[in-house]
Amino acid sequence: MIVWQFFIAPHANSSDFPNLMPYLIISMHPMNLLDFISEIPVYIIFIFLCLVLSLVSLAKKNPPAYLALFTCYLFLTLVIECVGWSYKRANSNNLTMYNLYGVVHLTYAIYLLSSFLHPGRAKQVFTWIMLFYPAFALLNIYFIQGPRHFGTYSYIVGAVIVVVCSINYFYQRIKFPGRDNLLRDPSFWIATGLLFFNAITVPYLGIVNFLANIPQYAYKTFSNINAVLSIILYSLFCISSVCSLNFRKLPS
């Protein structure tokens, strides 16, 4: 999931960046290894923990069908966030990378949630949406909002689709509860995390998209909100990976 760091870039003309521009910037200074580790963002630690638990679950006998691709997604997310953090330390622009990752992330989220749905009309609809969404998102990024702006339109549309798909998943779980304990179902925790994250992300991204001349403290506030949401999201992903483990009962 994208963890933005919002700020107004120094030496940049505000007229060149009329929309939301998630840059990462920090001053460079010498540090030892312990200082370096202590500055690692908390959300990256949670992503790494989630990836480890996913790999452990994948090594178990008969892992869930979705888990292999989900593990690859977590690995890609970890790489992207580590690169984004390094850009922050190197005073570099990460806009293009996060724009493209947003397309991958939302497309996969739609695919993952639709794979949890029962076969039927809803599953078919979301499958078709998943196929057309990347084309729309890339069209917006490069030809509508432009590559020099954050693709808020395409991201908001994708996040809304994820929210609707999550709600559809919960509706089917209520309609067809099944025999399994809901709290031990990995798909429940994944859908909960995606619903929570995207339902809160959409409103404040929509507000920021239509505001101009946002002060520096507001960008920092949005960044902190997004970081907290990401920690909650990956915490729920960790729970889903734990649910995928097959624990044996100890003899009494």
Protein backbone atom coordinates (compact mmCIF):
# COMPACT_ATOMS: atom_id res chain seq x y z
CA MET A 1 0.00 0.00 0.00
CA ILE A 2 1.26 3.44 -0.77
CA VAL A 3 2.64 5.40 2.17
CA TRP A 4 2.97 9.01 1.03
CA GLN A 5 5.15 11.68 2.58
CA PHE A 6 3.55 15.03 1.66
CA PHE A 7 5.48 18.27 1.49
CA ILE A 8 6.07 21.32 -0.67
CA ALA A 9 9.33 20.76 -2.47
CA PRO A 10 11.93 23.50 -2.01
CA HIS A 11 13.17 25.31 -5.12
CA ALA A 12 9.88 24.35 -6.82
CA ASN A 13 7.49 26.86 -8.35
CA SER A 14 4.01 26.24 -6.92
CA SER A 15 2.47 26.96 -10.32
CA ASP A 16 4.34 23.96 -11.71
CA PHE A 17 2.70 21.65 -9.19
CA PRO A 18 -0.97 22.71 -8.87
CA ASN A 19 -2.07 19.28 -7.70
CA LEU A 20 -1.04 16.98 -4.88
CA MET A 21 2.63 16.07 -5.25
CA PRO A 22 3.89 13.33 -2.91
CA TYR A 23 7.62 13.92 -2.79
CA LEU A 24 10.01 12.54 -0.24
CA ILE A 25 12.78 14.73 1.08
CA ILE A 26 15.21 14.64 3.98
CA SER A 27 18.65 16.08 4.61
CA MET A 28 21.58 13.71 4.23
CA HIS A 29 24.00 13.29 7.13
CA PRO A 30 26.54 10.66 8.23
CA MET A 31 25.20 8.00 10.55
CA ASN A 32 26.22 4.65 11.93
CA LEU A 33 24.34 1.40 11.38
CA LEU A 34 22.24 1.68 14.57
CA ASP A 35 21.13 5.19 13.62
CA PHE A 36 20.21 3.90 10.17
CA ILE A 37 18.09 1.07 11.58
CA SER A 38 16.39 3.34 14.10
CA GLU A 39 15.21 5.63 11.28
CA ILE A 40 13.47 2.87 9.33
CA PRO A 41 9.76 3.82 9.11
CA VAL A 42 7.46 1.66 11.22
CA TYR A 43 5.23 0.79 8.27
CA ILE A 44 8.19 -0.80 6.45
CA ILE A 45 8.86 -2.99 9.48
CA PHE A 46 5.21 -4.12 9.42
CA ILE A 47 5.41 -4.90 5.70
CA PHE A 48 8.56 -6.95 6.28
CA LEU A 49 6.91 -8.84 9.16
CA CYS A 50 3.87 -9.51 7.00
CA LEU A 51 6.08 -10.85 4.21
CA VAL A 52 7.92 -13.19 6.61
CA LEU A 53 4.65 -14.57 7.99
CA SER A 54 3.36 -15.01 4.45
CA LEU A 55 6.46 -16.98 3.47
CA VAL A 56 6.09 -19.18 6.56
CA SER A 57 2.45 -19.81 5.69
CA LEU A 58 3.41 -20.59 2.12
CA ALA A 59 5.85 -23.25 3.32
CA LYS A 60 3.07 -25.09 5.14
CA LYS A 61 1.25 -28.04 3.59
CA ASN A 62 -1.69 -27.09 1.35
CA PRO A 63 -1.46 -23.29 1.65
CA PRO A 64 -4.41 -21.16 0.40
CA ALA A 65 -4.54 -20.79 -3.38
CA TYR A 66 -4.16 -17.00 -3.29
CA LEU A 67 -1.11 -17.02 -1.00
CA ALA A 68 1.68 -17.40 -3.59
CA LEU A 69 0.67 -14.30 -5.55
CA PHE A 70 -0.12 -12.46 -2.33
CA THR A 71 3.43 -13.12 -1.13
CA CYS A 72 4.81 -11.73 -4.41
CA TYR A 73 2.62 -8.65 -3.95
CA LEU A 74 3.99 -8.11 -0.43
CA PHE A 75 7.55 -8.47 -1.70
CA LEU A 76 6.91 -5.89 -4.43
CA THR A 77 5.34 -3.55 -1.88
CA LEU A 78 8.35 -3.90 0.42
CA VAL A 79 10.73 -3.12 -2.44
CA ILE A 80 8.71 -0.08 -3.53
CA GLU A 81 8.48 1.33 -0.01
CA CYS A 82 12.20 0.77 0.61
CA VAL A 83 13.06 2.50 -2.66
CA GLY A 84 10.66 5.32 -1.81
CA TRP A 85 12.31 5.70 1.58
CA SER A 86 15.75 5.79 -0.04
CA TYR A 87 14.46 8.51 -2.40
CA LYS A 88 13.39 10.42 0.69
CA ARG A 89 16.89 10.21 2.11
CA ALA A 90 18.45 11.08 -1.26
CA ASN A 91 16.20 14.10 -1.80
CA SER A 92 14.70 12.57 -4.99
CA ASN A 93 11.29 12.58 -6.68
CA ASN A 94 9.27 9.36 -6.28
CA LEU A 95 6.10 10.49 -8.07
CA THR A 96 6.32 8.29 -11.18
CA MET A 97 7.16 5.18 -9.19
CA TYR A 98 4.20 5.59 -6.84
CA ASN A 99 1.83 6.42 -9.69
CA LEU A 100 2.67 3.15 -11.45
CA TYR A 101 2.70 1.16 -8.22
CA GLY A 102 -0.76 2.52 -7.40
CA VAL A 103 -2.07 0.98 -10.62
CA VAL A 104 -0.53 -2.39 -9.77
CA HIS A 105 -1.67 -2.27 -6.15
CA LEU A 106 -5.31 -1.41 -6.87
CA THR A 107 -5.58 -3.84 -9.79
CA TYR A 108 -4.28 -6.65 -7.61
CA ALA A 109 -6.56 -5.66 -4.72
CA ILE A 110 -9.59 -5.92 -7.03
CA TYR A 111 -8.36 -9.29 -8.32
CA LEU A 112 -7.70 -10.60 -4.80
CA LEU A 113 -11.11 -9.59 -3.46
CA SER A 114 -12.93 -10.92 -6.53
CA SER A 115 -11.17 -14.26 -6.04
CA PHE A 116 -12.83 -14.48 -2.61
CA LEU A 117 -16.32 -14.04 -4.09
CA HIS A 118 -18.68 -16.87 -4.92
CA PRO A 119 -19.01 -17.64 -8.65
CA GLY A 120 -21.73 -15.50 -10.14
CA ARG A 121 -22.57 -12.14 -11.70
CA ALA A 122 -20.70 -10.05 -9.10
CA LYS A 123 -17.48 -12.03 -9.57
CA GLN A 124 -17.73 -11.64 -13.36
CA VAL A 125 -18.34 -7.89 -13.10
CA PHE A 126 -15.33 -7.28 -10.87
CA THR A 127 -13.18 -9.49 -13.09
CA TRP A 128 -14.02 -7.31 -16.10
CA ILE A 129 -13.42 -4.15 -14.07
CA MET A 130 -10.03 -5.51 -13.05
CA LEU A 131 -9.11 -5.94 -16.72
CA PHE A 132 -10.18 -2.42 -17.76
CA TYR A 133 -8.99 -0.46 -14.74
CA PRO A 134 -5.23 -0.44 -15.59
CA ALA A 135 -5.97 1.07 -19.03
CA PHE A 136 -8.08 3.81 -17.46
CA ALA A 137 -5.49 4.51 -14.76
CA LEU A 138 -2.57 4.78 -17.20
CA LEU A 139 -4.66 6.98 -19.51
CA ASN A 140 -5.36 9.33 -16.62
CA ILE A 141 -1.77 9.40 -15.38
CA TYR A 142 -0.18 10.16 -18.74
CA PHE A 143 -2.86 12.01 -20.73
CA ILE A 144 -5.44 13.56 -18.35
CA GLN A 145 -3.74 14.64 -15.12
CA GLY A 146 -0.30 14.19 -16.62
CA PRO A 147 2.82 12.41 -15.35
CA ARG A 148 3.89 15.50 -13.34
CA HIS A 149 0.82 15.17 -11.10
CA PHE A 150 -0.25 12.48 -8.69
CA GLY A 151 -3.02 10.43 -10.38
CA THR A 152 -5.70 11.19 -7.81
CA TYR A 153 -8.59 10.56 -10.22
CA SER A 154 -7.52 7.03 -11.10
CA TYR A 155 -6.49 6.25 -7.52
CA ILE A 156 -9.81 7.40 -6.07
CA VAL A 157 -11.77 5.42 -8.68
CA GLY A 158 -9.72 2.31 -7.97
CA ALA A 159 -10.08 2.72 -4.21
CA VAL A 160 -13.86 3.09 -4.55
CA ILE A 161 -13.97 -0.13 -6.60
CA VAL A 162 -11.99 -1.90 -3.87
CA VAL A 163 -14.44 -0.63 -1.23
CA VAL A 164 -17.45 -1.82 -3.24
CA CYS A 165 -15.84 -5.21 -3.84
CA SER A 166 -15.04 -5.53 -0.12
CA ILE A 167 -18.64 -4.73 0.81
CA ASN A 168 -19.80 -7.33 -1.69
CA TYR A 169 -17.52 -9.88 -0.04
CA PHE A 170 -19.01 -9.19 3.40
CA TYR A 171 -22.53 -9.34 1.97
CA GLN A 172 -21.81 -12.80 0.58
CA ARG A 173 -20.29 -13.93 3.89
CA ILE A 174 -23.50 -12.86 5.66
CA LYS A 175 -25.69 -14.50 3.02
CA PHE A 176 -23.58 -17.68 2.83
CA PRO A 177 -21.86 -17.91 6.25
CA GLY A 178 -20.47 -21.44 5.80
CA ARG A 179 -19.12 -23.66 8.54
CA ASP A 180 -15.71 -22.05 9.03
CA ASN A 181 -15.05 -19.61 11.87
CA LEU A 182 -14.99 -16.16 10.29
CA LEU A 183 -12.18 -14.91 12.52
CA ARG A 184 -9.96 -17.80 11.37
CA ASP A 185 -10.55 -17.08 7.69
CA PRO A 186 -7.57 -15.22 6.12
CA SER A 187 -9.82 -13.65 3.47
CA PHE A 188 -11.86 -11.94 6.20
CA TRP A 189 -8.84 -10.09 7.57
CA ILE A 190 -7.58 -9.15 4.11
CA ALA A 191 -10.98 -7.79 3.07
CA THR A 192 -11.32 -5.94 6.38
CA GLY A 193 -7.93 -4.29 5.93
CA LEU A 194 -8.59 -3.24 2.34
CA LEU A 195 -12.05 -1.91 3.19
CA PHE A 196 -10.79 0.07 6.19
CA PHE A 197 -7.77 1.54 4.39
CA ASN A 198 -9.50 2.54 1.17
CA ALA A 199 -12.72 3.78 2.77
CA ILE A 200 -10.72 6.32 4.79
CA THR A 201 -8.19 7.12 2.06
CA VAL A 202 -10.78 8.15 -0.53
CA PRO A 203 -12.32 11.11 1.38
CA TYR A 204 -9.10 12.88 2.32
CA LEU A 205 -7.50 12.32 -1.10
CA GLY A 206 -10.64 13.73 -2.68
CA ILE A 207 -10.46 16.81 -0.44
CA VAL A 208 -6.76 17.39 -1.05
CA ASN A 209 -7.23 16.99 -4.80
CA PHE A 210 -9.51 20.04 -4.95
CA LEU A 211 -7.61 22.27 -2.53
CA ALA A 212 -4.82 24.59 -3.56
CA ASN A 213 -1.95 26.08 -1.58
CA ILE A 214 -2.15 23.53 1.23
CA PRO A 215 0.24 24.54 4.04
CA GLN A 216 3.18 22.38 4.95
CA TYR A 217 1.67 21.14 8.23
CA ALA A 218 -1.39 19.85 6.32
CA TYR A 219 0.77 17.74 4.02
CA LYS A 220 2.55 16.31 7.06
CA THR A 221 -0.78 15.54 8.70
CA PHE A 222 -2.02 13.63 5.66
CA SER A 223 1.26 11.73 5.54
CA ASN A 224 0.93 10.73 9.20
CA ILE A 225 -2.67 9.62 8.71
CA ASN A 226 -1.67 7.48 5.76
CA ALA A 227 1.21 5.92 7.70
CA VAL A 228 -1.11 4.97 10.59
CA LEU A 229 -3.66 3.50 8.16
CA SER A 230 -0.90 1.48 6.50
CA ILE A 231 0.27 0.09 9.84
CA ILE A 232 -3.29 -1.01 10.61
CA LEU A 233 -3.64 -2.53 7.13
CA TYR A 234 -0.47 -4.60 7.36
CA SER A 235 -1.30 -5.62 10.91
CA LEU A 236 -4.52 -7.15 9.57
CA PHE A 237 -2.53 -8.75 6.74
CA CYS A 238 -0.25 -10.28 9.40
CA ILE A 239 -3.29 -11.73 11.16
CA SER A 240 -4.46 -13.22 7.85
CA SER A 241 -1.08 -14.91 7.41
CA VAL A 242 -1.22 -16.29 10.96
CA CYS A 243 -4.68 -17.69 10.17
CA SER A 244 -3.17 -19.50 7.18
CA LEU A 245 -0.86 -21.48 9.49
CA ASN A 246 -1.99 -24.94 10.53
CA PHE A 247 -1.28 -25.23 14.25
CA ARG A 248 -1.24 -28.65 15.85
CA LYS A 249 -2.87 -29.11 19.24
CA LEU A 250 -0.43 -30.10 21.94
CA PRO A 251 -1.25 -33.39 23.71
CA SER A 252 -2.79 -32.85 27.12
